[in-house]
């Protein structure tokens, strides 16, 4: 039996602000923006090329509580340039060596070896990892 992750709920304090961040700055595609009354709104977005989506939902108490969400890209330098161009405060690219974290991409550009990170306006943390 296959078990496929299709949706991750990301708690935010302001749905409009988060929708703008994820769609206009990070580049996710808006799949659904549905309201059912004043207190219920679901916005689903999907990273380009992904089979897993996120849903941003208003939850002020839990906003910013998620960390370690992973995105995988084939070119970490191009991904960072795209994020920065769109106004995302993305970290510098880094890799790990025996002594810990080191600046720049993995010298051998091995799969799973180069990273960058960013957070949404509420502080939900994302890690971008290079896998060719």
C-alpha atoms as a PDB file:
ATOM      1  CA  UNK A   1       0.000   0.000   0.000  1.00  0.00           C
ATOM      2  CA  UNK A   2       1.305   3.464  -0.897  1.00  0.00           C
ATOM      3  CA  UNK A   3       1.093   6.200   1.712  1.00  0.00           C
ATOM      4  CA  UNK A   4       1.323   9.599   0.071  1.00  0.00           C
ATOM      5  CA  UNK A   5       1.633  12.859   1.896  1.00  0.00           C
ATOM      6  CA  UNK A   6      -0.644  15.297   0.096  1.00  0.00           C
ATOM      7  CA  UNK A   7      -1.252  18.209   2.453  1.00  0.00           C
ATOM      8  CA  UNK A   8       0.459  20.003   5.326  1.00  0.00           C
ATOM      9  CA  UNK A   9      -1.493  22.556   7.359  1.00  0.00           C
ATOM     10  CA  UNK A  10       0.541  25.686   8.098  1.00  0.00           C
ATOM     11  CA  UNK A  11      -0.859  27.830  10.935  1.00  0.00           C
ATOM     12  CA  UNK A  12      -0.726  31.577  10.307  1.00  0.00           C
ATOM     13  CA  UNK A  13      -2.012  34.713  11.994  1.00  0.00           C
ATOM     14  CA  UNK A  14      -3.078  36.487   8.782  1.00  0.00           C
ATOM     15  CA  UNK A  15      -4.279  34.396   5.838  1.00  0.00           C
ATOM     16  CA  UNK A  16      -4.098  37.231   3.283  1.00  0.00           C
ATOM     17  CA  UNK A  17      -0.523  38.103   4.261  1.00  0.00           C
ATOM     18  CA  UNK A  18       0.517  34.427   4.154  1.00  0.00           C
ATOM     19  CA  UNK A  19      -1.210  33.868   0.804  1.00  0.00           C
ATOM     20  CA  UNK A  20       0.669  36.822  -0.671  1.00  0.00           C
ATOM     21  CA  UNK A  21       3.976  35.583   0.755  1.00  0.00           C
ATOM     22  CA  UNK A  22       3.624  32.006  -0.481  1.00  0.00           C
ATOM     23  CA  UNK A  23       2.152  32.850  -3.892  1.00  0.00           C
ATOM     24  CA  UNK A  24       3.936  36.063  -4.872  1.00  0.00           C
ATOM     25  CA  UNK A  25       7.240  35.725  -3.033  1.00  0.00           C
ATOM     26  CA  UNK A  26       7.889  31.989  -2.788  1.00  0.00           C
ATOM     27  CA  UNK A  27       6.100  31.159  -6.054  1.00  0.00           C
ATOM     28  CA  UNK A  28       3.586  28.544  -4.912  1.00  0.00           C
ATOM     29  CA  UNK A  29       0.471  28.103  -7.073  1.00  0.00           C
ATOM     30  CA  UNK A  30      -2.875  28.978  -5.460  1.00  0.00           C
ATOM     31  CA  UNK A  31      -5.129  25.938  -5.901  1.00  0.00           C
ATOM     32  CA  UNK A  32      -8.021  26.855  -3.621  1.00  0.00           C
ATOM     33  CA  UNK A  33      -9.182  29.975  -1.801  1.00  0.00           C
ATOM     34  CA  UNK A  34     -12.485  29.096  -0.163  1.00  0.00           C
ATOM     35  CA  UNK A  35     -14.465  30.843   2.562  1.00  0.00           C
ATOM     36  CA  UNK A  36     -17.480  29.497   4.406  1.00  0.00           C
ATOM     37  CA  UNK A  37     -18.618  32.386   6.540  1.00  0.00           C
ATOM     38  CA  UNK A  38     -16.464  34.959   8.282  1.00  0.00           C
ATOM     39  CA  UNK A  39     -14.542  32.560  10.492  1.00  0.00           C
ATOM     40  CA  UNK A  40     -13.562  29.802   8.067  1.00  0.00           C
ATOM     41  CA  UNK A  41     -11.201  30.180   5.120  1.00  0.00           C
ATOM     42  CA  UNK A  42      -8.980  27.613   3.477  1.00  0.00           C
ATOM     43  CA  UNK A  43      -6.201  28.580   1.083  1.00  0.00           C
ATOM     44  CA  UNK A  44      -4.338  25.680  -0.523  1.00  0.00           C
ATOM     45  CA  UNK A  45      -1.079  26.273  -2.398  1.00  0.00           C
ATOM     46  CA  UNK A  46       1.305  23.917  -4.164  1.00  0.00           C
ATOM     47  CA  UNK A  47       5.009  24.378  -4.848  1.00  0.00           C
ATOM     48  CA  UNK A  48       5.734  24.106  -8.589  1.00  0.00           C
ATOM     49  CA  UNK A  49       6.374  20.454  -9.475  1.00  0.00           C
ATOM     50  CA  UNK A  50       5.228  19.110  -6.100  1.00  0.00           C
ATOM     51  CA  UNK A  51       2.551  16.521  -5.406  1.00  0.00           C
ATOM     52  CA  UNK A  52       2.212  17.791  -1.827  1.00  0.00           C
ATOM     53  CA  UNK A  53       0.430  21.047  -1.030  1.00  0.00           C
ATOM     54  CA  UNK A  54       0.119  23.300   1.971  1.00  0.00           C
ATOM     55  CA  UNK A  55      -3.037  24.787   3.411  1.00  0.00           C
ATOM     56  CA  UNK A  56      -2.692  28.011   5.314  1.00  0.00           C
ATOM     57  CA  UNK A  57      -5.249  28.364   8.057  1.00  0.00           C
ATOM     58  CA  UNK A  58      -5.721  31.107  10.607  1.00  0.00           C
ATOM     59  CA  UNK A  59      -4.591  29.944  14.018  1.00  0.00           C
ATOM     60  CA  UNK A  60      -3.047  32.812  15.986  1.00  0.00           C
ATOM     61  CA  UNK A  61      -2.077  30.576  18.904  1.00  0.00           C
ATOM     62  CA  UNK A  62      -0.082  28.167  16.714  1.00  0.00           C
ATOM     63  CA  UNK A  63       1.138  30.631  14.061  1.00  0.00           C
ATOM     64  CA  UNK A  64       4.838  30.147  13.458  1.00  0.00           C
ATOM     65  CA  UNK A  65       4.962  26.788  15.253  1.00  0.00           C
ATOM     66  CA  UNK A  66       6.087  24.714  12.255  1.00  0.00           C
ATOM     67  CA  UNK A  67       9.741  24.224  11.505  1.00  0.00           C
ATOM     68  CA  UNK A  68      11.815  21.973   9.322  1.00  0.00           C
ATOM     69  CA  UNK A  69       9.442  21.939   6.382  1.00  0.00           C
ATOM     70  CA  UNK A  70      11.540  20.756   3.428  1.00  0.00           C
ATOM     71  CA  UNK A  71      11.535  21.812  -0.186  1.00  0.00           C
ATOM     72  CA  UNK A  72      13.789  20.041  -2.682  1.00  0.00           C
ATOM     73  CA  UNK A  73      15.282  21.817  -5.705  1.00  0.00           C
ATOM     74  CA  UNK A  74      17.683  20.740  -8.420  1.00  0.00           C
ATOM     75  CA  UNK A  75      19.739  23.962  -8.308  1.00  0.00           C
ATOM     76  CA  UNK A  76      20.171  25.597  -4.896  1.00  0.00           C
ATOM     77  CA  UNK A  77      21.870  28.706  -6.284  1.00  0.00           C
ATOM     78  CA  UNK A  78      19.074  29.365  -8.799  1.00  0.00           C
ATOM     79  CA  UNK A  79      16.469  28.719  -6.095  1.00  0.00           C
ATOM     80  CA  UNK A  80      18.084  31.213  -3.735  1.00  0.00           C
ATOM     81  CA  UNK A  81      18.380  33.824  -6.492  1.00  0.00           C
ATOM     82  CA  UNK A  82      14.676  33.406  -7.291  1.00  0.00           C
ATOM     83  CA  UNK A  83      13.643  33.743  -3.647  1.00  0.00           C
ATOM     84  CA  UNK A  84      15.806  36.803  -3.057  1.00  0.00           C
ATOM     85  CA  UNK A  85      14.566  38.421  -6.278  1.00  0.00           C
ATOM     86  CA  UNK A  86      11.007  37.997  -5.000  1.00  0.00           C
ATOM     87  CA  UNK A  87      11.867  39.603  -1.667  1.00  0.00           C
ATOM     88  CA  UNK A  88      12.235  36.520   0.532  1.00  0.00           C
ATOM     89  CA  UNK A  89      14.821  36.830   3.300  1.00  0.00           C
ATOM     90  CA  UNK A  90      16.584  33.581   2.388  1.00  0.00           C
ATOM     91  CA  UNK A  91      19.715  32.536   4.238  1.00  0.00           C
ATOM     92  CA  UNK A  92      23.026  32.139   2.523  1.00  0.00           C
ATOM     93  CA  UNK A  93      23.652  28.682   1.085  1.00  0.00           C
ATOM     94  CA  UNK A  94      25.461  26.308   3.414  1.00  0.00           C
ATOM     95  CA  UNK A  95      26.592  22.704   3.738  1.00  0.00           C
ATOM     96  CA  UNK A  96      27.859  20.496   6.537  1.00  0.00           C
ATOM     97  CA  UNK A  97      31.398  19.324   7.173  1.00  0.00           C
ATOM     98  CA  UNK A  98      32.937  17.381  10.045  1.00  0.00           C
ATOM     99  CA  UNK A  99      33.143  20.537  12.111  1.00  0.00           C
ATOM    100  CA  UNK A 100      29.500  21.511  11.503  1.00  0.00           C
ATOM    101  CA  UNK A 101      27.868  24.006   9.211  1.00  0.00           C
ATOM    102  CA  UNK A 102      30.078  25.652   6.558  1.00  0.00           C
ATOM    103  CA  UNK A 103      29.309  28.472   4.112  1.00  0.00           C
ATOM    104  CA  UNK A 104      28.553  27.838   0.446  1.00  0.00           C
ATOM    105  CA  UNK A 105      27.189  24.837  -1.401  1.00  0.00           C
ATOM    106  CA  UNK A 106      28.602  21.365  -0.889  1.00  0.00           C
ATOM    107  CA  UNK A 107      31.990  21.453  -2.672  1.00  0.00           C
ATOM    108  CA  UNK A 108      31.153  18.208  -4.508  1.00  0.00           C
ATOM    109  CA  UNK A 109      27.505  19.243  -5.068  1.00  0.00           C
ATOM    110  CA  UNK A 110      26.346  15.905  -3.674  1.00  0.00           C
ATOM    111  CA  UNK A 111      22.626  15.230  -3.403  1.00  0.00           C
ATOM    112  CA  UNK A 112      21.232  16.342  -0.049  1.00  0.00           C
ATOM    113  CA  UNK A 113      24.418  18.300   0.623  1.00  0.00           C
ATOM    114  CA  UNK A 114      23.507  21.976   0.094  1.00  0.00           C
ATOM    115  CA  UNK A 115      20.897  23.972   1.998  1.00  0.00           C
ATOM    116  CA  UNK A 116      19.294  27.336   2.588  1.00  0.00           C
ATOM    117  CA  UNK A 117      16.486  28.367   4.875  1.00  0.00           C
ATOM    118  CA  UNK A 118      13.747  30.959   5.137  1.00  0.00           C
ATOM    119  CA  UNK A 119      10.687  31.665   7.246  1.00  0.00           C
ATOM    120  CA  UNK A 120       7.240  32.936   6.432  1.00  0.00           C
ATOM    121  CA  UNK A 121       5.979  36.173   8.061  1.00  0.00           C
ATOM    122  CA  UNK A 122       4.769  34.219  11.120  1.00  0.00           C
ATOM    123  CA  UNK A 123       8.046  32.359  11.586  1.00  0.00           C
ATOM    124  CA  UNK A 124       7.133  28.947  10.122  1.00  0.00           C
ATOM    125  CA  UNK A 125      10.531  27.623   9.053  1.00  0.00           C
ATOM    126  CA  UNK A 126      11.471  26.125   5.703  1.00  0.00           C
ATOM    127  CA  UNK A 127      14.618  24.320   4.615  1.00  0.00           C
ATOM    128  CA  UNK A 128      15.532  24.122   0.934  1.00  0.00           C
ATOM    129  CA  UNK A 129      17.780  21.220  -0.024  1.00  0.00           C
ATOM    130  CA  UNK A 130      19.541  20.485  -3.311  1.00  0.00           C
ATOM    131  CA  UNK A 131      18.841  17.085  -4.874  1.00  0.00           C
ATOM    132  CA  UNK A 132      19.761  16.677  -8.510  1.00  0.00           C
END
